[in-house]
């Protein structure tokens, strides 16, 4: 099956500033991908490259098997919700649906109406007068009604309160299931990513620090307490704290070692790699 996102040596510079450096990726189809990292890590740059909003300085990127924004048919296969869920403030809710129908050949009016009916939005209300949560939901409904094969979200819930964020993520997952689409969710809110994503990409210092299936990544990492110096040579220490060492394990540990191995959750795993990148900002870790 064609990967949803492929990159090789992908680099983007703005003048003397490097936003992304030498990124290699191959993300399988059908995944809900969490893209995490601190502000300025390069998350938005990667998503803008994937949408064709900007071009690489060097390297290549392919989305759904083709160059980003390769043509009208390819554009119709990707739904994008930018940071802050930008809408046309003077247009009504109904106007946004009419505009979506004109611009998108695969537009599904029934899907759009069903989504908005559940939100109890007045079709006559102008987008500029909606709450943050309502704007995010309207942007999601418009993106989903394109019936895309890939939905891309750039920090869509960053400004929402906890209840609105929870509702938005519920609707996001409903849309993904209904469409049978893949999705990329950029967020610095790790609990949100842990709740909905099955594939993880950690970006820091403009480089990919970690990428893979969540279940596989969690199975090959552990928090070690005891004597970490006695670990097998192939074990890689990612970070240390007073709680122990987060270690990447190429194979299961022997059961009789002088240590205790405890499982990690996704948040602990991502933080360990972000911590390492902050301490060693000039090194690229994969």
Protein backbone atom coordinates (compact mmCIF):
# COMPACT_ATOMS: atom_id res chain seq x y z
CA UNK A 1 0.00 0.00 0.00
CA UNK A 2 1.29 3.48 -0.88
CA UNK A 3 2.64 5.36 2.15
CA UNK A 4 0.56 8.36 3.15
CA UNK A 5 3.71 10.46 3.63
CA UNK A 6 7.25 9.90 2.35
CA UNK A 7 10.27 12.16 2.74
CA UNK A 8 13.92 11.74 1.85
CA UNK A 9 16.55 14.25 2.91
CA UNK A 10 13.76 16.81 3.29
CA UNK A 11 15.20 20.20 4.19
CA UNK A 12 13.63 23.65 4.37
CA UNK A 13 15.55 26.85 5.02
CA UNK A 14 14.30 30.40 5.34
CA UNK A 15 17.37 32.51 4.67
CA UNK A 16 19.98 31.43 7.20
CA UNK A 17 17.43 29.68 9.44
CA UNK A 18 16.89 25.95 9.02
CA UNK A 19 13.29 24.96 9.76
CA UNK A 20 13.72 21.29 8.79
CA UNK A 21 16.94 19.35 8.23
CA UNK A 22 17.50 16.03 6.45
CA UNK A 23 14.15 14.45 7.36
CA UNK A 24 13.51 10.88 6.25
CA UNK A 25 10.05 9.39 6.70
CA UNK A 26 7.83 6.63 5.39
CA UNK A 27 4.44 6.64 7.12
CA UNK A 28 2.05 3.78 6.30
CA UNK A 29 -1.45 4.45 5.05
CA UNK A 30 -4.45 4.35 7.35
CA UNK A 31 -2.75 5.75 10.44
CA UNK A 32 -3.65 8.58 12.79
CA UNK A 33 -0.29 10.27 13.12
CA UNK A 34 0.71 12.40 16.08
CA UNK A 35 3.31 15.06 15.21
CA UNK A 36 4.76 16.46 18.43
CA UNK A 37 7.45 18.93 19.36
CA UNK A 38 8.00 22.27 21.01
CA UNK A 39 7.07 25.55 19.34
CA UNK A 40 9.54 26.23 16.55
CA UNK A 41 10.48 22.57 16.16
CA UNK A 42 9.42 22.49 12.50
CA UNK A 43 5.95 20.94 12.78
CA UNK A 44 4.10 23.61 10.80
CA UNK A 45 6.86 23.67 8.19
CA UNK A 46 6.51 19.91 7.62
CA UNK A 47 2.73 20.23 7.28
CA UNK A 48 3.00 23.19 4.90
CA UNK A 49 5.40 21.15 2.76
CA UNK A 50 2.94 18.23 2.80
CA UNK A 51 0.12 20.51 1.65
CA UNK A 52 2.20 22.15 -1.09
CA UNK A 53 2.01 25.56 0.57
CA UNK A 54 5.79 25.82 0.40
CA UNK A 55 8.53 23.98 -1.48
CA UNK A 56 11.57 22.14 -0.09
CA UNK A 57 14.99 23.73 -0.21
CA UNK A 58 16.37 20.25 -0.88
CA UNK A 59 15.22 16.66 -0.64
CA UNK A 60 11.84 15.25 -1.63
CA UNK A 61 8.38 14.78 -0.16
CA UNK A 62 5.47 12.75 -1.50
CA UNK A 63 1.93 12.65 -0.15
CA UNK A 64 -0.43 9.83 -1.11
CA UNK A 65 2.12 8.74 -3.71
CA UNK A 66 2.46 12.10 -5.51
CA UNK A 67 4.13 15.46 -5.14
CA UNK A 68 2.13 17.73 -2.79
CA UNK A 69 -0.61 19.71 -4.56
CA UNK A 70 0.25 17.91 -7.81
CA UNK A 71 -3.02 19.03 -9.37
CA UNK A 72 -6.72 19.58 -8.67
CA UNK A 73 -7.40 15.87 -8.23
CA UNK A 74 -4.60 15.53 -5.69
CA UNK A 75 -5.66 18.69 -3.84
CA UNK A 76 -9.13 17.18 -3.46
CA UNK A 77 -7.62 14.18 -1.63
CA UNK A 78 -6.13 16.29 1.19
CA UNK A 79 -8.08 18.25 3.81
CA UNK A 80 -6.13 20.83 5.79
CA UNK A 81 -7.13 22.69 8.95
CA UNK A 82 -4.51 25.36 9.66
CA UNK A 83 -3.51 26.61 13.10
CA UNK A 84 -6.30 28.65 14.66
CA UNK A 85 -8.92 27.16 12.27
CA UNK A 86 -8.99 30.26 10.01
CA UNK A 87 -12.37 30.99 8.46
CA UNK A 88 -13.96 33.89 6.60
CA UNK A 89 -15.25 36.04 9.44
CA UNK A 90 -17.95 37.78 7.39
CA UNK A 91 -19.33 34.61 5.85
CA UNK A 92 -22.07 32.63 7.54
CA UNK A 93 -21.88 28.96 8.43
CA UNK A 94 -24.09 28.19 5.42
CA UNK A 95 -21.86 30.30 3.16
CA UNK A 96 -18.84 28.20 4.14
CA UNK A 97 -20.69 25.07 3.06
CA UNK A 98 -21.71 26.66 -0.25
CA UNK A 99 -18.12 27.72 -0.89
CA UNK A 100 -16.86 24.25 -0.03
CA UNK A 101 -19.30 22.71 -2.50
CA UNK A 102 -18.08 25.02 -5.30
CA UNK A 103 -14.38 24.41 -4.68
CA UNK A 104 -14.33 20.65 -4.04
CA UNK A 105 -15.37 18.07 -6.65
CA UNK A 106 -15.85 15.30 -4.05
CA UNK A 107 -17.93 17.48 -1.72
CA UNK A 108 -20.41 15.57 0.43
CA UNK A 109 -23.21 17.95 1.48
CA UNK A 110 -24.94 15.37 3.65
CA UNK A 111 -21.79 14.77 5.70
CA UNK A 112 -21.31 18.51 6.24
CA UNK A 113 -24.92 19.03 7.30
CA UNK A 114 -24.86 16.05 9.68
CA UNK A 115 -21.71 17.28 11.37
CA UNK A 116 -23.00 20.80 11.84
CA UNK A 117 -26.46 19.66 12.95
CA UNK A 118 -24.87 17.84 15.88
CA UNK A 119 -23.20 21.10 16.92
CA UNK A 120 -26.50 22.99 16.89
CA UNK A 121 -24.99 25.83 14.84
CA UNK A 122 -27.26 28.43 13.30
CA UNK A 123 -26.49 28.32 9.54
CA UNK A 124 -27.09 32.09 9.39
CA UNK A 125 -24.49 32.94 12.02
CA UNK A 126 -21.31 34.59 10.81
CA UNK A 127 -18.10 32.69 11.43
CA UNK A 128 -16.55 35.71 13.13
CA UNK A 129 -19.14 35.48 15.90
CA UNK A 130 -18.58 31.80 16.68
CA UNK A 131 -16.69 30.59 19.74
CA UNK A 132 -13.24 29.07 19.33
CA UNK A 133 -14.64 25.58 19.68
CA UNK A 134 -17.38 26.24 17.13
CA UNK A 135 -14.87 27.66 14.63
CA UNK A 136 -12.67 24.58 15.01
CA UNK A 137 -15.67 22.29 14.49
CA UNK A 138 -16.81 24.21 11.41
CA UNK A 139 -13.30 24.02 9.92
CA UNK A 140 -13.25 20.27 10.61
CA UNK A 141 -16.67 19.78 9.01
CA UNK A 142 -15.58 21.66 5.87
CA UNK A 143 -12.34 19.66 5.62
CA UNK A 144 -14.12 16.33 6.15
CA UNK A 145 -16.88 17.11 3.64
CA UNK A 146 -14.22 17.15 0.90
CA UNK A 147 -14.08 13.39 1.53
CA UNK A 148 -10.27 13.46 1.53
CA UNK A 149 -7.95 10.49 1.87
CA UNK A 150 -5.76 12.49 4.27
CA UNK A 151 -6.75 15.03 6.90
CA UNK A 152 -4.00 17.35 8.19
CA UNK A 153 -4.46 19.39 11.38
CA UNK A 154 -1.94 22.00 12.52
CA UNK A 155 -2.51 22.62 16.25
CA UNK A 156 -6.29 22.76 15.69
CA UNK A 157 -7.23 22.65 19.38
CA UNK A 158 -4.39 24.69 20.87
CA UNK A 159 -6.58 27.60 21.94
CA UNK A 160 -9.59 25.57 23.07
CA UNK A 161 -10.68 24.91 26.63
CA UNK A 162 -10.55 21.28 27.82
CA UNK A 163 -14.21 20.52 27.08
CA UNK A 164 -14.08 22.02 23.58
CA UNK A 165 -10.80 20.22 22.87
CA UNK A 166 -12.28 16.90 24.01
CA UNK A 167 -15.31 17.38 21.76
CA UNK A 168 -13.14 18.39 18.80
CA UNK A 169 -10.98 15.27 19.13
CA UNK A 170 -14.10 13.09 19.33
CA UNK A 171 -15.40 14.58 16.09
CA UNK A 172 -11.98 14.28 14.47
CA UNK A 173 -11.89 10.54 15.16
CA UNK A 174 -15.49 10.11 13.99
CA UNK A 175 -14.57 11.81 10.71
CA UNK A 176 -11.49 9.64 10.25
CA UNK A 177 -13.51 6.46 10.81
CA UNK A 178 -16.36 7.54 8.55
CA UNK A 179 -14.04 8.56 5.71
CA UNK A 180 -11.59 5.69 6.14
CA UNK A 181 -8.92 8.39 5.93
CA UNK A 182 -5.48 8.85 7.41
CA UNK A 183 -4.87 11.89 9.60
CA UNK A 184 -1.90 13.91 10.81
CA UNK A 185 -2.44 15.79 14.06
CA UNK A 186 0.22 18.32 15.03
CA UNK A 187 0.08 19.20 18.72
CA UNK A 188 2.24 20.10 21.69
CA UNK A 189 -0.48 18.69 23.98
CA UNK A 190 0.81 15.17 24.49
CA UNK A 191 -2.33 13.76 26.22
CA UNK A 192 -4.34 14.67 23.10
CA UNK A 193 -1.88 12.81 20.89
CA UNK A 194 -1.84 9.81 23.22
CA UNK A 195 -5.63 9.66 23.16
CA UNK A 196 -6.15 9.43 19.40
CA UNK A 197 -2.91 8.57 17.58
CA UNK A 198 -1.42 5.18 16.64
CA UNK A 199 1.71 6.52 14.91
CA UNK A 200 4.16 8.99 16.46
CA UNK A 201 6.63 11.48 15.00
CA UNK A 202 8.75 13.52 17.41
CA UNK A 203 10.35 16.66 15.96
CA UNK A 204 12.93 18.74 17.80
CA UNK A 205 15.72 21.01 16.68
CA UNK A 206 14.39 20.84 13.10
CA UNK A 207 15.08 17.10 12.97
CA UNK A 208 13.06 13.93 13.38
CA UNK A 209 14.04 12.38 16.70
CA UNK A 210 11.67 9.40 16.61
CA UNK A 211 9.07 7.93 14.26
CA UNK A 212 7.08 4.72 14.31
CA UNK A 213 4.00 2.76 15.31
CA UNK A 214 3.06 3.63 18.88
CA UNK A 215 2.67 0.00 19.96
CA UNK A 216 6.08 -0.91 18.56
CA UNK A 217 7.79 2.12 20.08
CA UNK A 218 6.33 1.42 23.52
CA UNK A 219 7.32 -2.25 23.26
CA UNK A 220 10.96 -1.34 22.56
CA UNK A 221 11.39 1.28 25.30
CA UNK A 222 11.29 1.01 29.09
CA UNK A 223 12.10 2.94 32.22
CA UNK A 224 14.99 1.24 33.97
CA UNK A 225 15.76 1.53 37.68
CA UNK A 226 18.65 -0.20 39.36
CA UNK A 227 22.07 -0.46 37.74
CA UNK A 228 21.85 0.87 34.15
CA UNK A 229 25.58 0.25 33.59
CA UNK A 230 24.85 -3.49 33.65
CA UNK A 231 22.47 -3.27 30.67
CA UNK A 232 23.43 -5.03 27.44
CA UNK A 233 25.69 -2.95 25.19
CA UNK A 234 23.00 -2.68 22.50
CA UNK A 235 20.61 -0.89 24.89
CA UNK A 236 20.54 2.86 24.18
CA UNK A 237 19.91 5.31 27.02
CA UNK A 238 17.66 8.13 25.83
CA UNK A 239 17.35 10.22 29.01
CA UNK A 240 17.90 10.02 32.75
CA UNK A 241 16.04 11.47 35.72
CA UNK A 242 15.56 10.74 39.40
CA UNK A 243 12.87 8.25 38.31
CA UNK A 244 15.37 6.17 36.32
CA UNK A 245 16.64 5.92 32.76
CA UNK A 246 14.49 5.74 29.63
CA UNK A 247 16.16 3.12 27.46
CA UNK A 248 15.62 1.85 23.92
CA UNK A 249 15.90 -1.94 23.85
CA UNK A 250 16.62 -3.82 20.62
CA UNK A 251 15.51 -7.06 22.29
CA UNK A 252 13.84 -8.10 25.59
CA UNK A 253 16.04 -7.76 28.67
CA UNK A 254 17.27 -10.85 30.49
CA UNK A 255 15.01 -11.52 33.45
CA UNK A 256 17.85 -11.90 35.95
CA UNK A 257 19.59 -8.52 35.58
CA UNK A 258 20.23 -6.05 38.46
CA UNK A 259 17.47 -3.71 37.29
CA UNK A 260 13.73 -3.24 37.10
CA UNK A 261 12.11 -2.44 33.76
CA UNK A 262 8.77 -0.60 33.77
CA UNK A 263 6.64 0.22 30.71
CA UNK A 264 6.29 3.78 29.44
CA UNK A 265 3.28 5.64 28.13
CA UNK A 266 3.38 7.76 24.98
CA UNK A 267 3.79 11.02 26.88
CA UNK A 268 6.83 9.74 28.81
CA UNK A 269 8.36 8.38 25.62
CA UNK A 270 7.98 11.63 23.69
CA UNK A 271 9.29 13.72 26.59
CA UNK A 272 12.38 11.53 26.84
CA UNK A 273 13.31 12.21 23.21
CA UNK A 274 12.48 15.91 23.50
CA UNK A 275 14.67 16.10 26.60
CA UNK A 276 17.56 14.45 24.78
CA UNK A 277 17.21 16.78 21.82
CA UNK A 278 17.28 19.80 24.13
CA UNK A 279 20.44 18.58 25.84
CA UNK A 280 22.15 17.66 22.57
CA UNK A 281 20.73 20.19 20.11
CA UNK A 282 23.31 19.66 17.40
CA UNK A 283 22.89 15.90 17.10
CA UNK A 284 20.27 14.11 15.04
CA UNK A 285 18.89 10.99 16.69
CA UNK A 286 16.82 8.33 14.97
